C-alpha atoms as a PDB file:
ATOM      1  CA  MET A   1      85.079-137.475 132.419  1.00  0.00           C
ATOM      2  CA  ALA A   2      83.802-138.893 135.776  1.00  0.00           C
ATOM      3  CA  VAL A   3      83.695-136.430 138.512  1.00  0.00           C
ATOM      4  CA  GLN A   4      85.889-137.946 141.788  1.00  0.00           C
ATOM      5  CA  THR A   5      84.172-137.896 145.148  1.00  0.00           C
ATOM      6  CA  TYR A   6      86.124-135.867 147.621  1.00  0.00           C
ATOM      7  CA  SER A   7      85.474-134.643 151.022  1.00  0.00           C
ATOM      8  CA  THR A   8      85.806-131.212 152.850  1.00  0.00           C
ATOM      9  CA  SER A   9      86.283-132.805 156.264  1.00  0.00           C
ATOM     10  CA  THR A  10      89.519-131.822 157.817  1.00  0.00           C
ATOM     11  CA  ASN A  11      91.560-132.372 160.951  1.00  0.00           C
ATOM     12  CA  ARG A  12      92.649-129.379 160.985  1.00  0.00           C
ATOM     13  CA  GLN A  13      91.652-127.094 163.726  1.00  0.00           C
ATOM     14  CA  LYS A  14      91.062-123.365 164.505  1.00  0.00           C
ATOM     15  CA  SER A  15      94.321-121.827 165.793  1.00  0.00           C
ATOM     16  CA  LYS A  16      93.858-121.443 169.296  1.00  0.00           C
ATOM     17  CA  ARG A  17      94.768-118.320 170.678  1.00  0.00           C
ATOM     18  CA  PRO A  18      97.215-117.898 173.556  1.00  0.00           C
ATOM     19  CA  VAL A  19      96.030-117.210 177.580  1.00  0.00           C
ATOM     20  CA  ILE A  20      96.560-113.901 178.306  1.00  0.00           C
ATOM     21  CA  THR A  21      96.899-112.927 181.906  1.00  0.00           C
ATOM     22  CA  GLN A  22      98.388-109.255 181.817  1.00  0.00           C
ATOM     23  CA  THR A  23      96.990-106.129 182.577  1.00  0.00           C
ATOM     24  CA  ALA A  24      94.769-104.114 179.875  1.00  0.00           C
ATOM     25  CA  ALA A  25      97.622-102.366 178.563  1.00  0.00           C
ATOM     26  CA  GLY A  26      99.947-105.541 178.218  1.00  0.00           C
ATOM     27  CA  ASN A  27      96.578-107.140 176.754  1.00  0.00           C
ATOM     28  CA  ASN A  28      96.185-104.310 173.962  1.00  0.00           C
ATOM     29  CA  MET A  29     100.019-104.510 173.394  1.00  0.00           C
ATOM     30  CA  GLU A  30      99.622-108.318 172.733  1.00  0.00           C
ATOM     31  CA  ILE A  31      96.775-108.065 170.643  1.00  0.00           C
ATOM     32  CA  CYS A  32      98.503-105.306 168.567  1.00  0.00           C
ATOM     33  CA  VAL A  33     101.435-107.652 168.151  1.00  0.00           C
ATOM     34  CA  ARG A  34      99.603-110.617 167.027  1.00  0.00           C
ATOM     35  CA  ARG A  35      97.699-108.383 164.435  1.00  0.00           C
ATOM     36  CA  SER A  36     100.827-106.841 163.189  1.00  0.00           C
ATOM     37  CA  SER A  37     102.484-110.535 163.011  1.00  0.00           C
ATOM     38  CA  LYS A  38      99.411-111.713 160.990  1.00  0.00           C
ATOM     39  CA  MET A  39      99.608-108.656 158.468  1.00  0.00           C
ATOM     40  CA  SER A  40     103.031-109.326 158.058  1.00  0.00           C
ATOM     41  CA  ALA A  41     102.435-112.995 157.466  1.00  0.00           C
ATOM     42  CA  LEU A  42      99.583-112.055 154.869  1.00  0.00           C
ATOM     43  CA  LYS A  43     101.849-109.572 153.302  1.00  0.00           C
ATOM     44  CA  LYS A  44     104.684-111.847 152.573  1.00  0.00           C
ATOM     45  CA  VAL A  45     102.175-114.264 150.989  1.00  0.00           C
ATOM     46  CA  ILE A  46     100.682-111.789 148.519  1.00  0.00           C
ATOM     47  CA  HIS A  47     103.982-110.526 147.801  1.00  0.00           C
ATOM     48  CA  GLU A  48     105.500-113.962 147.117  1.00  0.00           C
ATOM     49  CA  ALA A  49     102.444-114.573 144.890  1.00  0.00           C
ATOM     50  CA  ARG A  50     103.158-111.310 142.799  1.00  0.00           C
ATOM     51  CA  GLU A  51     106.498-111.648 142.422  1.00  0.00           C
ATOM     52  CA  GLN A  52     106.369-115.507 141.451  1.00  0.00           C
ATOM     53  CA  GLY A  53     103.464-114.796 139.145  1.00  0.00           C
ATOM     54  CA  SER A  54     101.847-117.563 141.025  1.00  0.00           C
ATOM     55  CA  THR A  55      98.258-118.330 139.964  1.00  0.00           C
ATOM     56  CA  GLU A  56      97.332-119.945 143.316  1.00  0.00           C
ATOM     57  CA  VAL A  57      97.207-118.255 146.730  1.00  0.00           C
ATOM     58  CA  ASP A  58      96.564-120.301 149.559  1.00  0.00           C
ATOM     59  CA  LEU A  59      95.705-118.810 153.049  1.00  0.00           C
ATOM     60  CA  VAL A  60      94.250-121.421 154.965  1.00  0.00           C
ATOM     61  CA  ASP A  61      93.674-121.127 158.810  1.00  0.00           C
ATOM     62  CA  ARG A  62      95.498-117.921 158.822  1.00  0.00           C
ATOM     63  CA  ASN A  63      92.541-116.175 161.278  1.00  0.00           C
ATOM     64  CA  ILE A  64      91.076-113.931 158.633  1.00  0.00           C
ATOM     65  CA  TYR A  65      88.161-112.116 159.723  1.00  0.00           C
ATOM     66  CA  ARG A  66      87.664-110.177 156.529  1.00  0.00           C
ATOM     67  CA  PHE A  67      88.655-109.939 152.842  1.00  0.00           C
ATOM     68  CA  GLU A  68      89.867-106.622 153.382  1.00  0.00           C
ATOM     69  CA  GLU A  69      92.913-108.072 155.833  1.00  0.00           C
ATOM     70  CA  ILE A  70      94.458-109.595 152.591  1.00  0.00           C
ATOM     71  CA  PRO A  71      96.320-106.883 150.938  1.00  0.00           C
ATOM     72  CA  GLY A  72      95.612-106.473 147.136  1.00  0.00           C
ATOM     73  CA  ILE A  73      93.800-109.399 146.900  1.00  0.00           C
ATOM     74  CA  PHE A  74      91.102-108.048 144.577  1.00  0.00           C
ATOM     75  CA  ASN A  75      93.731-106.613 141.979  1.00  0.00           C
ATOM     76  CA  MET A  76      95.248-109.984 141.587  1.00  0.00           C
ATOM     77  CA  GLU A  77      93.045-110.678 138.791  1.00  0.00           C
ATOM     78  CA  TRP A  78      95.330-113.284 137.193  1.00  0.00           C
ATOM     79  CA  ILE A  79      94.873-115.894 140.030  1.00  0.00           C
ATOM     80  CA  THR A  80      93.027-119.166 138.951  1.00  0.00           C
ATOM     81  CA  ARG A  81      93.084-120.614 142.798  1.00  0.00           C
ATOM     82  CA  LEU A  82      91.838-118.966 145.765  1.00  0.00           C
ATOM     83  CA  CYS A  83      91.735-121.089 149.330  1.00  0.00           C
ATOM     84  CA  LEU A  84      90.653-119.455 152.292  1.00  0.00           C
ATOM     85  CA  ALA A  85      89.193-122.383 154.117  1.00  0.00           C
ATOM     86  CA  HIS A  86      89.444-122.538 158.110  1.00  0.00           C
ATOM     87  CA  ASN A  87      89.241-118.817 158.682  1.00  0.00           C
ATOM     88  CA  PHE A  88      86.414-116.468 160.228  1.00  0.00           C
ATOM     89  CA  ILE A  89      85.111-114.569 157.218  1.00  0.00           C
ATOM     90  CA  THR A  90      81.788-113.460 157.490  1.00  0.00           C
ATOM     91  CA  SER A  91      80.898-112.135 154.178  1.00  0.00           C
ATOM     92  CA  ILE A  92      82.431-111.955 150.584  1.00  0.00           C
ATOM     93  CA  PRO A  93      82.536-108.400 149.013  1.00  0.00           C
ATOM     94  CA  ALA A  94      80.780-107.797 145.650  1.00  0.00           C
ATOM     95  CA  THR A  95      84.297-107.199 144.115  1.00  0.00           C
ATOM     96  CA  ILE A  96      85.141-111.012 144.172  1.00  0.00           C
ATOM     97  CA  SER A  97      84.017-110.397 140.695  1.00  0.00           C
ATOM     98  CA  ASN A  98      87.189-108.764 140.192  1.00  0.00           C
ATOM     99  CA  LEU A  99      89.184-112.119 139.922  1.00  0.00           C
ATOM    100  CA  TYR A 100      87.681-113.226 136.735  1.00  0.00           C
ATOM    101  CA  ASN A 101      90.172-115.980 136.247  1.00  0.00           C
ATOM    102  CA  LEU A 102      89.273-117.895 139.218  1.00  0.00           C
ATOM    103  CA  GLU A 103      88.566-121.551 138.591  1.00  0.00           C
ATOM    104  CA  TYR A 104      88.504-122.921 142.274  1.00  0.00           C
ATOM    105  CA  LEU A 105      87.231-120.850 145.216  1.00  0.00           C
ATOM    106  CA  ASN A 106      87.110-122.608 148.475  1.00  0.00           C
ATOM    107  CA  LEU A 107      85.857-120.687 151.726  1.00  0.00           C
ATOM    108  CA  ALA A 108      84.990-123.987 153.707  1.00  0.00           C
ATOM    109  CA  ASN A 109      84.684-123.890 157.612  1.00  0.00           C
ATOM    110  CA  ASN A 110      84.221-119.585 157.776  1.00  0.00           C
ATOM    111  CA  HIS A 111      81.319-117.969 159.175  1.00  0.00           C
ATOM    112  CA  LEU A 112      79.916-117.077 156.098  1.00  0.00           C
ATOM    113  CA  GLU A 113      76.001-115.869 156.341  1.00  0.00           C
ATOM    114  CA  GLN A 114      75.423-114.510 152.956  1.00  0.00           C
ATOM    115  CA  LEU A 115      76.890-114.228 149.600  1.00  0.00           C
ATOM    116  CA  PRO A 116      76.921-111.303 146.776  1.00  0.00           C
ATOM    117  CA  SER A 117      75.083-112.316 143.719  1.00  0.00           C
ATOM    118  CA  SER A 118      78.363-111.243 141.863  1.00  0.00           C
ATOM    119  CA  VAL A 119      79.977-114.565 142.930  1.00  0.00           C
ATOM    120  CA  SER A 120      77.858-116.159 140.048  1.00  0.00           C
ATOM    121  CA  THR A 121      79.260-113.835 137.575  1.00  0.00           C
ATOM    122  CA  LEU A 122      82.727-115.274 137.666  1.00  0.00           C
ATOM    123  CA  PRO A 123      83.272-116.744 134.418  1.00  0.00           C
ATOM    124  CA  LYS A 124      85.661-119.516 134.612  1.00  0.00           C
ATOM    125  CA  LEU A 125      84.967-120.602 138.304  1.00  0.00           C
ATOM    126  CA  LYS A 126      84.473-124.488 138.093  1.00  0.00           C
ATOM    127  CA  MET A 127      84.484-125.431 141.568  1.00  0.00           C
ATOM    128  CA  LEU A 128      82.638-123.531 144.703  1.00  0.00           C
ATOM    129  CA  ILE A 129      83.419-124.830 148.084  1.00  0.00           C
ATOM    130  CA  LEU A 130      81.193-123.006 150.667  1.00  0.00           C
ATOM    131  CA  ALA A 131      80.612-125.958 153.169  1.00  0.00           C
ATOM    132  CA  MET A 132      80.361-125.415 157.019  1.00  0.00           C
ATOM    133  CA  ASN A 133      79.310-121.899 157.282  1.00  0.00           C
ATOM    134  CA  ARG A 134      76.044-120.286 158.449  1.00  0.00           C
ATOM    135  CA  LEU A 135      74.203-119.562 155.189  1.00  0.00           C
ATOM    136  CA  THR A 136      70.444-119.715 155.259  1.00  0.00           C
ATOM    137  CA  VAL A 137      69.551-118.417 151.825  1.00  0.00           C
ATOM    138  CA  LEU A 138      71.348-118.161 148.530  1.00  0.00           C
ATOM    139  CA  PRO A 139      71.078-114.655 146.487  1.00  0.00           C
ATOM    140  CA  ARG A 140      68.938-114.179 143.752  1.00  0.00           C
ATOM    141  CA  GLY A 141      70.650-115.048 140.316  1.00  0.00           C
ATOM    142  CA  PHE A 142      72.829-117.648 142.113  1.00  0.00           C
ATOM    143  CA  GLY A 143      72.682-120.290 139.155  1.00  0.00           C
ATOM    144  CA  SER A 144      74.114-117.955 136.670  1.00  0.00           C
ATOM    145  CA  PHE A 145      77.472-119.709 136.760  1.00  0.00           C
ATOM    146  CA  ALA A 146      78.732-120.254 133.283  1.00  0.00           C
ATOM    147  CA  VAL A 147      80.965-123.470 133.710  1.00  0.00           C
ATOM    148  CA  LEU A 148      80.641-124.293 137.128  1.00  0.00           C
ATOM    149  CA  GLU A 149      80.949-128.440 137.958  1.00  0.00           C
ATOM    150  CA  VAL A 150      81.299-129.090 141.427  1.00  0.00           C
ATOM    151  CA  LEU A 151      79.137-126.877 144.135  1.00  0.00           C
ATOM    152  CA  ASP A 152      79.460-127.938 147.841  1.00  0.00           C
ATOM    153  CA  LEU A 153      77.155-126.306 150.392  1.00  0.00           C
ATOM    154  CA  THR A 154      77.358-128.955 152.837  1.00  0.00           C
ATOM    155  CA  TYR A 155      76.690-128.075 156.706  1.00  0.00           C
ATOM    156  CA  ASN A 156      74.984-124.887 156.291  1.00  0.00           C
ATOM    157  CA  ASN A 157      71.227-124.056 157.043  1.00  0.00           C
ATOM    158  CA  LEU A 158      69.803-123.967 153.900  1.00  0.00           C
ATOM    159  CA  SER A 159      66.372-125.505 152.983  1.00  0.00           C
ATOM    160  CA  GLU A 160      64.126-125.640 149.782  1.00  0.00           C
ATOM    161  CA  ALA A 161      62.773-121.922 150.546  1.00  0.00           C
ATOM    162  CA  SER A 162      66.579-120.996 150.310  1.00  0.00           C
ATOM    163  CA  ILE A 163      67.032-121.841 146.572  1.00  0.00           C
ATOM    164  CA  PRO A 164      66.354-118.922 144.094  1.00  0.00           C
ATOM    165  CA  ASN A 165      64.497-119.810 140.914  1.00  0.00           C
ATOM    166  CA  ASN A 166      67.237-120.237 138.473  1.00  0.00           C
ATOM    167  CA  PHE A 167      69.351-122.056 140.488  1.00  0.00           C
ATOM    168  CA  TRP A 168      68.301-125.376 138.605  1.00  0.00           C
ATOM    169  CA  SER A 169      69.678-123.908 135.426  1.00  0.00           C
ATOM    170  CA  MET A 170      73.372-124.699 136.049  1.00  0.00           C
ATOM    171  CA  MET A 171      73.835-127.009 133.149  1.00  0.00           C
ATOM    172  CA  THR A 172      77.223-127.447 133.764  1.00  0.00           C
ATOM    173  CA  LEU A 173      76.953-128.989 137.243  1.00  0.00           C
ATOM    174  CA  ARG A 174      78.383-132.394 137.856  1.00  0.00           C
ATOM    175  CA  ALA A 175      78.511-132.757 141.620  1.00  0.00           C
ATOM    176  CA  LEU A 176      76.367-131.257 143.935  1.00  0.00           C
ATOM    177  CA  TYR A 177      76.629-131.233 147.953  1.00  0.00           C
ATOM    178  CA  PHE A 178      73.467-130.449 150.296  1.00  0.00           C
ATOM    179  CA  SER A 179      74.588-132.630 152.920  1.00  0.00           C
ATOM    180  CA  ASP A 180      73.813-131.692 156.160  1.00  0.00           C
ATOM    181  CA  ASN A 181      71.235-128.733 155.988  1.00  0.00           C
ATOM    182  CA  ASP A 182      67.396-128.426 156.579  1.00  0.00           C
ATOM    183  CA  PHE A 183      65.739-129.604 153.513  1.00  0.00           C
ATOM    184  CA  GLU A 184      62.444-131.446 153.607  1.00  0.00           C
ATOM    185  CA  THR A 185      61.687-131.823 150.025  1.00  0.00           C
ATOM    186  CA  ILE A 186      64.143-132.069 147.043  1.00  0.00           C
ATOM    187  CA  PRO A 187      62.931-129.929 144.483  1.00  0.00           C
ATOM    188  CA  ALA A 188      61.908-131.655 141.214  1.00  0.00           C
ATOM    189  CA  GLU A 189      63.640-129.016 139.206  1.00  0.00           C
ATOM    190  CA  VAL A 190      66.805-131.230 139.966  1.00  0.00           C
ATOM    191  CA  SER A 191      65.961-132.992 137.218  1.00  0.00           C
ATOM    192  CA  ASN A 192      67.393-130.156 134.876  1.00  0.00           C
ATOM    193  CA  LEU A 193      70.831-130.662 135.972  1.00  0.00           C
ATOM    194  CA  LYS A 194      71.346-133.109 132.938  1.00  0.00           C
ATOM    195  CA  GLU A 195      75.491-133.552 133.602  1.00  0.00           C
ATOM    196  CA  LEU A 196      75.024-134.265 137.326  1.00  0.00           C
ATOM    197  CA  GLN A 197      76.869-137.329 138.356  1.00  0.00           C
ATOM    198  CA  ILE A 198      76.912-136.873 142.069  1.00  0.00           C
ATOM    199  CA  LEU A 199      73.952-135.718 144.361  1.00  0.00           C
ATOM    200  CA  SER A 200      74.367-135.639 148.124  1.00  0.00           C
ATOM    201  CA  PHE A 201      71.040-134.739 150.589  1.00  0.00           C
ATOM    202  CA  ARG A 202      72.534-136.803 153.244  1.00  0.00           C
ATOM    203  CA  ASP A 203      71.326-136.114 156.859  1.00  0.00           C
ATOM    204  CA  ASN A 204      68.650-133.245 156.065  1.00  0.00           C
ATOM    205  CA  ASP A 205      65.039-133.820 156.898  1.00  0.00           C
ATOM    206  CA  VAL A 206      63.932-134.804 153.298  1.00  0.00           C
ATOM    207  CA  ILE A 207      60.614-136.786 153.326  1.00  0.00           C
ATOM    208  CA  ASN A 208      59.883-137.811 149.713  1.00  0.00           C
ATOM    209  CA  ILE A 209      62.312-138.650 146.745  1.00  0.00           C
ATOM    210  CA  PRO A 210      60.965-136.816 143.700  1.00  0.00           C
ATOM    211  CA  LYS A 211      60.706-139.260 140.933  1.00  0.00           C
ATOM    212  CA  GLU A 212      62.159-136.705 138.350  1.00  0.00           C
ATOM    213  CA  ILE A 213      65.569-137.885 139.821  1.00  0.00           C
ATOM    214  CA  SER A 214      65.055-140.749 137.339  1.00  0.00           C
ATOM    215  CA  ALA A 215      65.552-138.397 134.361  1.00  0.00           C
ATOM    216  CA  LEU A 216      69.515-137.576 135.676  1.00  0.00           C
ATOM    217  CA  ASN A 217      71.005-140.653 133.603  1.00  0.00           C
ATOM    218  CA  ARG A 218      74.687-139.497 134.102  1.00  0.00           C
ATOM    219  CA  LEU A 219      74.079-139.907 137.941  1.00  0.00           C
ATOM    220  CA  ARG A 220      76.578-142.389 139.644  1.00  0.00           C
ATOM    221  CA  GLU A 221      76.393-141.317 143.262  1.00  0.00           C
ATOM    222  CA  LEU A 222      73.088-140.707 145.406  1.00  0.00           C
ATOM    223  CA  HIS A 223      73.435-139.829 148.885  1.00  0.00           C
ATOM    224  CA  LEU A 224      70.128-140.066 150.827  1.00  0.00           C
ATOM    225  CA  GLN A 225      71.009-141.733 154.297  1.00  0.00           C
ATOM    226  CA  GLY A 226      70.010-139.942 157.260  1.00  0.00           C
ATOM    227  CA  ASN A 227      66.558-138.647 156.245  1.00  0.00           C
ATOM    228  CA  ARG A 228      62.709-139.159 156.970  1.00  0.00           C
ATOM    229  CA  ILE A 229      62.261-141.062 153.702  1.00  0.00           C
ATOM    230  CA  THR A 230      59.766-143.753 153.459  1.00  0.00           C
ATOM    231  CA  LEU A 231      59.132-144.728 150.014  1.00  0.00           C
ATOM    232  CA  ILE A 232      61.132-145.055 146.871  1.00  0.00           C
ATOM    233  CA  PRO A 233      59.530-143.947 143.802  1.00  0.00           C
ATOM    234  CA  PRO A 234      59.632-146.922 141.281  1.00  0.00           C
ATOM    235  CA  GLU A 235      61.113-144.673 138.600  1.00  0.00           C
ATOM    236  CA  LEU A 236      64.489-144.560 140.289  1.00  0.00           C
ATOM    237  CA  GLY A 237      64.709-148.202 139.412  1.00  0.00           C
ATOM    238  CA  THR A 238      65.692-146.936 136.042  1.00  0.00           C
ATOM    239  CA  LEU A 239      69.229-145.305 137.142  1.00  0.00           C
ATOM    240  CA  ASP A 240      72.104-147.514 136.829  1.00  0.00           C
ATOM    241  CA  LEU A 241      73.391-147.024 140.602  1.00  0.00           C
ATOM    242  CA  VAL A 242      74.075-150.271 141.609  1.00  0.00           C
ATOM    243  CA  THR A 243      77.491-151.093 139.540  1.00  0.00           C
ATOM    244  CA  HIS A 244      80.738-151.440 141.097  1.00  0.00           C
ATOM    245  CA  ARG A 245      81.486-147.888 139.557  1.00  0.00           C
ATOM    246  CA  SER A 246      78.335-146.393 141.489  1.00  0.00           C
ATOM    247  CA  VAL A 247      77.176-145.453 144.697  1.00  0.00           C
ATOM    248  CA  ILE A 248      73.727-145.014 146.502  1.00  0.00           C
ATOM    249  CA  ARG A 249      73.200-144.726 150.171  1.00  0.00           C
ATOM    250  CA  LEU A 250      70.113-145.305 151.910  1.00  0.00           C
ATOM    251  CA  GLU A 251      70.377-146.107 155.425  1.00  0.00           C
ATOM    252  CA  ASN A 252      69.207-144.457 158.573  1.00  0.00           C
ATOM    253  CA  ASN A 253      65.700-143.830 157.171  1.00  0.00           C
ATOM    254  CA  PRO A 254      62.193-144.824 158.592  1.00  0.00           C
ATOM    255  CA  TRP A 255      61.657-147.155 155.384  1.00  0.00           C
ATOM    256  CA  ILE A 256      58.065-149.030 154.919  1.00  0.00           C
ATOM    257  CA  GLN A 257      59.114-152.589 156.078  1.00  0.00           C
ATOM    258  CA  PRO A 258      59.357-154.345 152.756  1.00  0.00           C
ATOM    259  CA  ILE A 259      62.267-151.868 151.826  1.00  0.00           C
ATOM    260  CA  ALA A 260      63.744-152.117 155.257  1.00  0.00           C
ATOM    261  CA  ASP A 261      63.743-156.061 154.506  1.00  0.00           C
ATOM    262  CA  GLN A 262      65.481-155.595 151.357  1.00  0.00           C
ATOM    263  CA  LEU A 263      67.996-153.007 152.834  1.00  0.00           C
ATOM    264  CA  GLU A 264      69.055-155.796 155.177  1.00  0.00           C
ATOM    265  CA  VAL A 265      70.363-157.955 152.594  1.00  0.00           C
ATOM    266  CA  GLY A 266      71.827-155.050 150.603  1.00  0.00           C
ATOM    267  CA  VAL A 267      71.420-152.159 148.644  1.00  0.00           C
ATOM    268  CA  SER A 268      71.049-153.804 145.235  1.00  0.00           C
ATOM    269  CA  HIS A 269      68.462-155.979 146.441  1.00  0.00           C
ATOM    270  CA  VAL A 270      66.323-152.914 147.029  1.00  0.00           C
ATOM    271  CA  ILE A 271      66.971-151.443 143.679  1.00  0.00           C
ATOM    272  CA  ASP A 272      65.805-155.070 141.959  1.00  0.00           C
ATOM    273  CA  PHE A 273      62.874-155.034 144.579  1.00  0.00           C
ATOM    274  CA  ILE A 274      61.433-151.425 143.443  1.00  0.00           C
ATOM    275  CA  ARG A 275      61.306-152.625 139.824  1.00  0.00           C
ATOM    276  CA  THR A 276      58.936-155.175 140.587  1.00  0.00           C
ATOM    277  CA  GLU A 277      55.297-155.458 140.087  1.00  0.00           C
ATOM    278  CA  GLN A 278      54.580-155.989 143.673  1.00  0.00           C
ATOM    279  CA  TYR A 279      56.663-152.906 145.036  1.00  0.00           C
ATOM    280  CA  HIS A 280      54.589-151.008 142.131  1.00  0.00           C
ATOM    281  CA  TYR A 281      51.364-152.256 143.881  1.00  0.00           C
ATOM    282  CA  ILE A 282      52.582-151.285 147.392  1.00  0.00           C
ATOM    283  CA  TYR A 283      53.817-147.984 146.558  1.00  0.00           C
ATOM    284  CA  GLU A 284      50.640-146.718 145.196  1.00  0.00           C
ATOM    285  CA  LYS A 285      48.870-148.231 147.790  1.00  0.00           C
ATOM    286  CA  GLN A 286      50.855-146.365 150.234  1.00  0.00           C
ATOM    287  CA  LEU A 287      50.301-143.006 148.393  1.00  0.00           C
ATOM    288  CA  GLN A 288      46.581-143.693 148.700  1.00  0.00           C
ATOM    289  CA  LEU A 289      46.814-143.831 152.480  1.00  0.00           C
ATOM    290  CA  GLY A 290      48.482-140.472 152.752  1.00  0.00           C
ATOM    291  CA  LEU A 291      50.478-141.386 155.707  1.00  0.00           C
ATOM    292  CA  THR A 292      51.813-138.931 158.083  1.00  0.00           C
ATOM    293  CA  PRO A 293      55.571-138.062 157.461  1.00  0.00           C
ATOM    294  CA  PRO A 294      57.682-139.325 160.461  1.00  0.00           C
ATOM    295  CA  PRO A 295      58.939-136.799 162.810  1.00  0.00           C
ATOM    296  CA  LYS A 296      62.223-135.125 162.731  1.00  0.00           C
ATOM    297  CA  THR A 297      64.844-137.132 164.490  1.00  0.00           C
ATOM    298  CA  ASN A 298      68.177-135.222 163.430  1.00  0.00           C
ATOM    299  CA  ASP A 299      69.775-133.456 166.336  1.00  0.00           C
ATOM    300  CA  LYS A 300      70.392-129.973 164.904  1.00  0.00           C
ATOM    301  CA  SER A 301      71.412-128.540 168.022  1.00  0.00           C
ATOM    302  CA  LYS A 302      75.109-128.407 167.046  1.00  0.00           C
ATOM    303  CA  LYS A 303      74.006-126.573 163.967  1.00  0.00           C
ATOM    304  CA  ALA A 304      71.835-124.174 165.769  1.00  0.00           C
ATOM    305  CA  SER A 305      75.044-123.167 167.623  1.00  0.00           C
ATOM    306  CA  ARG A 306      76.848-122.089 164.558  1.00  0.00           C
ATOM    307  CA  ARG A 307      74.272-119.316 164.038  1.00  0.00           C
ATOM    308  CA  THR A 308      75.838-117.470 167.297  1.00  0.00           C
END
């Protein structure tokens, strides 16, 4: 069964705080009222979920800063879907492992800076969305997920140094999103993810494509646009990425001229070209020259502001 492409982008904005122009006492009262109102709303959602025996809890854009603000959430072990996107949560408690029936966990667009290793012990988790956070490292053992199929880490501050050794052991993974991070290399161990159908390293600082990617014979989408790549390993020509059901994105890279010329005509021409003896010769010659990697061009200033 094919993995469908999805997007974590949204038009939903953070709730705007009201402008308060009262005395200090008035300000404190207003803050207390808002907190009380928020807590009442959260209690209502949780109460209704309990009463109805719902397996889904949706707390999108609720001004939540900590899991502890959600009453009794870790006692709701029957829930299968938990969505906390578009809040201000900075950490996930280790007790997330209490929710052992979770299949879907969405914490996109929060302020997460670290993750507990216990998140990877959730035995039924199939989809984990952590896009648009402040992660700089993944915890040891993060690759221990039993049945994870979709992992979205788009728009964080991760690099190859952030990845634990067992990350590439997730044999059930079908879609991996590392777009908008700080990778300079794609680890060759990516070839271990034999079930992978979608791989995205869009808008990083990637310099080289590992030839080992060619071992991913189920791959149907490969996103490499917006990097510092100049060469394509000829082995990539063995992948079936130019059919009407496949996607390969290569634009906005400083390609050597022969590849750039082919890309002007179309990406299918690039794939045909890298399969030729002519390109094999060009590729080997470029490797022998040992050219200096192109300078970084991606503007990271917007991302840097997320760390503050």
